[in-house]
Amino acid sequence: MKIKIEERSIETKVKDDSLVKQRREEIIQAGSRIFTQKGYHMTTIRDICKVSGLGPGTLYNYIKKKEDILYLIYNKLTMMLTESLLETVRKNKGDPLEQLNEALRKMVDIAWEYQDLILLMYQETASLDRESMHNILKRESDFVSLMDKIIEAVKKQGLMRGKPNRLDADLIVFLLAFIPLRRWNFRKKFSEDKIKTSLLDFISRALGITRR
């Protein structure tokens, strides 16, 4: 299972790729923290500089505008989800059911760890420029297609009860937003393990599979 991961190029004045990667990771960390605290529109480049420890002149060597930081954050999250899915497929080649079970576990773990960023995505995607939005939406579409292929492989082996539904993959990906969107209601009532297990069990029952 292969997929070409497209990325939008962000101009930089720095020629050292390793330094660009390091500095942009620092910018991503600072942006993630301050955007989730203050909101994207209320955050200034000065705020990013203060949190990251980088001066404005240095910061602008690695990004051109605030929207670039939002894109870098989204890019990191979508890359993480896609790469985790591809790794799961490679690791469990020939065992579609384990591919699906492990993929679901990883997705839920990522959704829990990065719930603030997922919430940010739902709130601020419209703030991206057209090219960035196209890139991120294409990445999400590719991710859904990968999940759909895994589900189809399980169905072909007769390991899934019920009538096939082409919306299964889309619905599963949407359920990743359950944790950040509903956490205000359940986090004081249930443990992290209970929430994750309940979500995985719900998806498995809906698909008609048995989780290992």
Protein backbone atom coordinates (compact mmCIF):
# COMPACT_ATOMS: atom_id res chain seq x y z
CA MET A 1 0.00 0.00 0.00
CA LYS A 2 1.66 3.19 -1.20
CA ILE A 3 0.73 6.84 -1.10
CA LYS A 4 2.47 9.96 -2.29
CA ILE A 5 2.45 12.51 0.54
CA GLU A 6 2.30 16.02 -0.85
CA GLU A 7 3.61 18.99 1.12
CA ARG A 8 3.33 22.70 0.49
CA SER A 9 6.71 24.36 0.23
CA ILE A 10 7.39 27.17 2.71
CA GLU A 11 10.17 29.47 1.63
CA THR A 12 13.19 29.77 3.93
CA LYS A 13 16.38 31.81 3.81
CA VAL A 14 18.30 29.06 5.59
CA LYS A 15 20.15 26.44 3.53
CA ASP A 16 20.83 23.98 6.35
CA ASP A 17 17.93 21.49 6.15
CA SER A 18 18.59 20.04 9.60
CA LEU A 19 18.51 23.52 11.15
CA VAL A 20 15.31 24.35 9.29
CA LYS A 21 13.74 21.17 10.65
CA GLN A 22 14.89 21.95 14.20
CA ARG A 23 13.75 25.57 14.18
CA ARG A 24 10.40 24.76 12.60
CA GLU A 25 9.78 22.12 15.24
CA GLU A 26 10.42 24.80 17.89
CA ILE A 27 8.00 27.10 16.08
CA ILE A 28 5.40 24.30 15.85
CA GLN A 29 5.68 23.63 19.58
CA ALA A 30 5.33 27.32 20.42
CA GLY A 31 2.46 27.82 17.97
CA SER A 32 0.60 24.76 19.23
CA ARG A 33 0.86 25.96 22.80
CA ILE A 34 -0.13 29.57 22.26
CA PHE A 35 -2.84 28.94 19.62
CA THR A 36 -4.64 26.53 21.95
CA GLN A 37 -4.34 28.97 24.86
CA LYS A 38 -5.21 32.28 23.20
CA GLY A 39 -6.81 31.20 19.94
CA TYR A 40 -5.28 31.59 16.51
CA HIS A 41 -6.63 35.03 15.70
CA MET A 42 -5.71 36.51 19.07
CA THR A 43 -2.13 35.25 18.83
CA THR A 44 0.56 37.54 17.43
CA ILE A 45 3.96 36.76 15.96
CA ARG A 46 5.39 38.46 19.05
CA ASP A 47 3.60 35.85 21.19
CA ILE A 48 5.16 33.07 19.11
CA CYS A 49 8.59 34.65 19.49
CA LYS A 50 8.22 34.91 23.25
CA VAL A 51 7.20 31.28 23.68
CA SER A 52 9.72 29.87 21.18
CA GLY A 53 12.61 32.04 22.35
CA LEU A 54 13.29 33.11 18.77
CA GLY A 55 13.54 36.77 17.77
CA PRO A 56 11.29 38.12 14.99
CA GLY A 57 14.23 38.31 12.57
CA THR A 58 15.15 34.70 13.23
CA LEU A 59 11.54 33.52 13.07
CA TYR A 60 11.00 35.10 9.66
CA ASN A 61 13.97 33.16 8.33
CA TYR A 62 11.85 30.01 8.64
CA ILE A 63 8.29 31.21 7.93
CA LYS A 64 6.79 34.11 6.00
CA LYS A 65 3.50 34.66 7.81
CA LYS A 66 1.45 33.44 10.76
CA GLU A 67 -0.61 31.19 8.47
CA ASP A 68 2.57 29.23 7.73
CA ILE A 69 2.76 28.23 11.40
CA LEU A 70 -0.83 26.99 11.36
CA TYR A 71 -0.07 24.96 8.24
CA LEU A 72 3.07 23.48 9.81
CA ILE A 73 1.02 22.36 12.82
CA TYR A 74 -1.66 20.77 10.63
CA ASN A 75 1.00 19.22 8.43
CA LYS A 76 2.70 17.58 11.41
CA LEU A 77 -0.55 16.11 12.71
CA THR A 78 -1.78 14.77 9.37
CA MET A 79 1.68 13.38 8.55
CA MET A 80 1.77 11.64 11.92
CA LEU A 81 -1.61 9.99 11.34
CA THR A 82 -0.79 8.93 7.77
CA GLU A 83 2.66 7.58 8.62
CA SER A 84 1.33 5.63 11.62
CA LEU A 85 -1.23 3.99 9.34
CA LEU A 86 1.37 3.10 6.71
CA GLU A 87 3.67 1.69 9.40
CA THR A 88 0.83 -0.44 10.75
CA VAL A 89 0.14 -1.86 7.28
CA ARG A 90 3.83 -2.70 6.73
CA LYS A 91 4.21 -4.24 10.17
CA ASN A 92 1.16 -6.50 9.86
CA LYS A 93 1.38 -7.36 6.17
CA GLY A 94 -0.87 -10.29 5.35
CA ASP A 95 -3.05 -9.85 8.44
CA PRO A 96 -5.79 -7.31 7.59
CA LEU A 97 -7.65 -7.75 10.87
CA GLU A 98 -4.56 -6.96 12.94
CA GLN A 99 -3.82 -4.06 10.59
CA LEU A 100 -7.25 -2.65 11.36
CA ASN A 101 -7.13 -3.31 15.09
CA GLU A 102 -3.68 -1.77 15.48
CA ALA A 103 -4.55 1.16 13.21
CA LEU A 104 -7.58 1.94 15.39
CA ARG A 105 -5.49 1.75 18.57
CA LYS A 106 -2.86 4.09 17.16
CA MET A 107 -5.44 6.55 15.88
CA VAL A 108 -7.14 6.75 19.27
CA ASP A 109 -3.78 7.17 21.05
CA ILE A 110 -2.82 10.03 18.71
CA ALA A 111 -6.25 11.62 19.10
CA TRP A 112 -5.82 11.55 22.88
CA GLU A 113 -2.27 12.89 22.91
CA TYR A 114 -2.94 15.64 20.37
CA GLN A 115 -6.55 16.46 21.21
CA ASP A 116 -5.84 20.19 21.50
CA LEU A 117 -4.40 20.25 17.98
CA ILE A 118 -7.33 18.28 16.57
CA LEU A 119 -9.71 20.78 18.15
CA LEU A 120 -7.61 23.58 16.67
CA MET A 121 -7.94 21.99 13.23
CA TYR A 122 -11.71 21.96 13.47
CA GLN A 123 -11.80 25.54 14.68
CA GLU A 124 -9.26 27.18 12.39
CA THR A 125 -9.00 25.26 9.10
CA ALA A 126 -10.83 28.11 7.36
CA SER A 127 -7.93 30.42 8.30
CA LEU A 128 -5.56 28.58 5.98
CA ASP A 129 -4.78 29.97 2.55
CA ARG A 130 -6.21 28.09 -0.44
CA GLU A 131 -3.05 26.13 -1.25
CA SER A 132 -2.54 25.03 2.35
CA MET A 133 -6.18 24.04 2.76
CA HIS A 134 -6.09 22.04 -0.48
CA ASN A 135 -2.96 20.24 0.70
CA ILE A 136 -4.38 19.37 4.12
CA LEU A 137 -7.76 18.26 2.74
CA LYS A 138 -5.96 16.09 0.16
CA ARG A 139 -3.91 14.55 2.98
CA GLU A 140 -7.07 13.81 4.95
CA SER A 141 -8.70 12.29 1.88
CA ASP A 142 -5.67 10.04 1.34
CA PHE A 143 -5.79 8.99 4.98
CA VAL A 144 -9.46 8.05 4.68
CA SER A 145 -8.66 6.07 1.50
CA LEU A 146 -5.95 4.13 3.34
CA MET A 147 -8.34 3.27 6.14
CA ASP A 148 -10.97 2.25 3.59
CA LYS A 149 -8.50 -0.17 1.93
CA ILE A 150 -7.73 -1.79 5.28
CA ILE A 151 -11.44 -2.21 6.02
CA GLU A 152 -12.06 -3.66 2.56
CA ALA A 153 -9.28 -6.22 3.08
CA VAL A 154 -10.94 -7.37 6.32
CA LYS A 155 -14.31 -7.64 4.57
CA LYS A 156 -12.85 -9.72 1.73
CA GLN A 157 -11.58 -12.28 4.25
CA GLY A 158 -15.07 -12.59 5.73
CA LEU A 159 -13.93 -11.23 9.09
CA MET A 160 -16.55 -8.52 9.32
CA ARG A 161 -20.27 -8.97 9.87
CA GLY A 162 -22.92 -6.71 8.44
CA LYS A 163 -23.47 -4.95 5.14
CA PRO A 164 -20.48 -3.04 3.70
CA ASN A 165 -20.75 0.74 3.97
CA ARG A 166 -18.53 3.03 1.90
CA LEU A 167 -18.80 5.66 4.63
CA ASP A 168 -17.18 3.45 7.28
CA ALA A 169 -13.70 4.96 6.90
CA ASP A 170 -15.01 8.54 6.92
CA LEU A 171 -17.07 7.89 10.03
CA ILE A 172 -14.11 6.34 11.83
CA VAL A 173 -11.85 9.30 11.03
CA PHE A 174 -14.54 11.71 12.20
CA LEU A 175 -14.78 9.83 15.50
CA LEU A 176 -11.20 10.93 16.22
CA ALA A 177 -12.75 14.30 17.01
CA PHE A 178 -14.94 12.74 19.69
CA ILE A 179 -12.23 13.09 22.34
CA PRO A 180 -11.50 16.83 21.93
CA LEU A 181 -15.10 17.80 21.14
CA ARG A 182 -16.71 15.93 24.04
CA ARG A 183 -13.95 15.96 26.66
CA TRP A 184 -15.68 18.70 28.66
CA ASN A 185 -18.44 16.19 29.44
CA PHE A 186 -16.64 12.92 30.14
CA ARG A 187 -13.11 13.64 31.40
CA LYS A 188 -14.26 14.04 35.02
CA LYS A 189 -16.40 10.92 34.83
CA PHE A 190 -14.12 8.37 33.16
CA SER A 191 -10.45 7.43 33.08
CA GLU A 192 -8.29 7.76 29.97
CA ASP A 193 -8.24 3.97 29.56
CA LYS A 194 -12.03 3.71 29.88
CA ILE A 195 -12.57 6.42 27.26
CA LYS A 196 -10.14 4.89 24.77
CA THR A 197 -11.44 1.34 25.29
CA SER A 198 -15.07 2.43 24.97
CA LEU A 199 -14.33 4.28 21.72
CA LEU A 200 -12.48 1.30 20.25
CA ASP A 201 -15.22 -1.11 21.33
CA PHE A 202 -17.87 1.14 19.79
CA ILE A 203 -16.06 1.25 16.44
CA SER A 204 -15.48 -2.51 16.49
CA ARG A 205 -19.14 -3.23 17.22
CA ALA A 206 -20.22 -0.85 14.46
CA LEU A 207 -17.95 -2.61 11.97
CA GLY A 208 -18.85 -6.06 13.22
CA ILE A 209 -15.30 -7.14 14.06
CA THR A 210 -13.53 -8.59 17.09
CA ARG A 211 -10.63 -6.56 18.47
CA ARG A 212 -7.55 -8.51 19.55
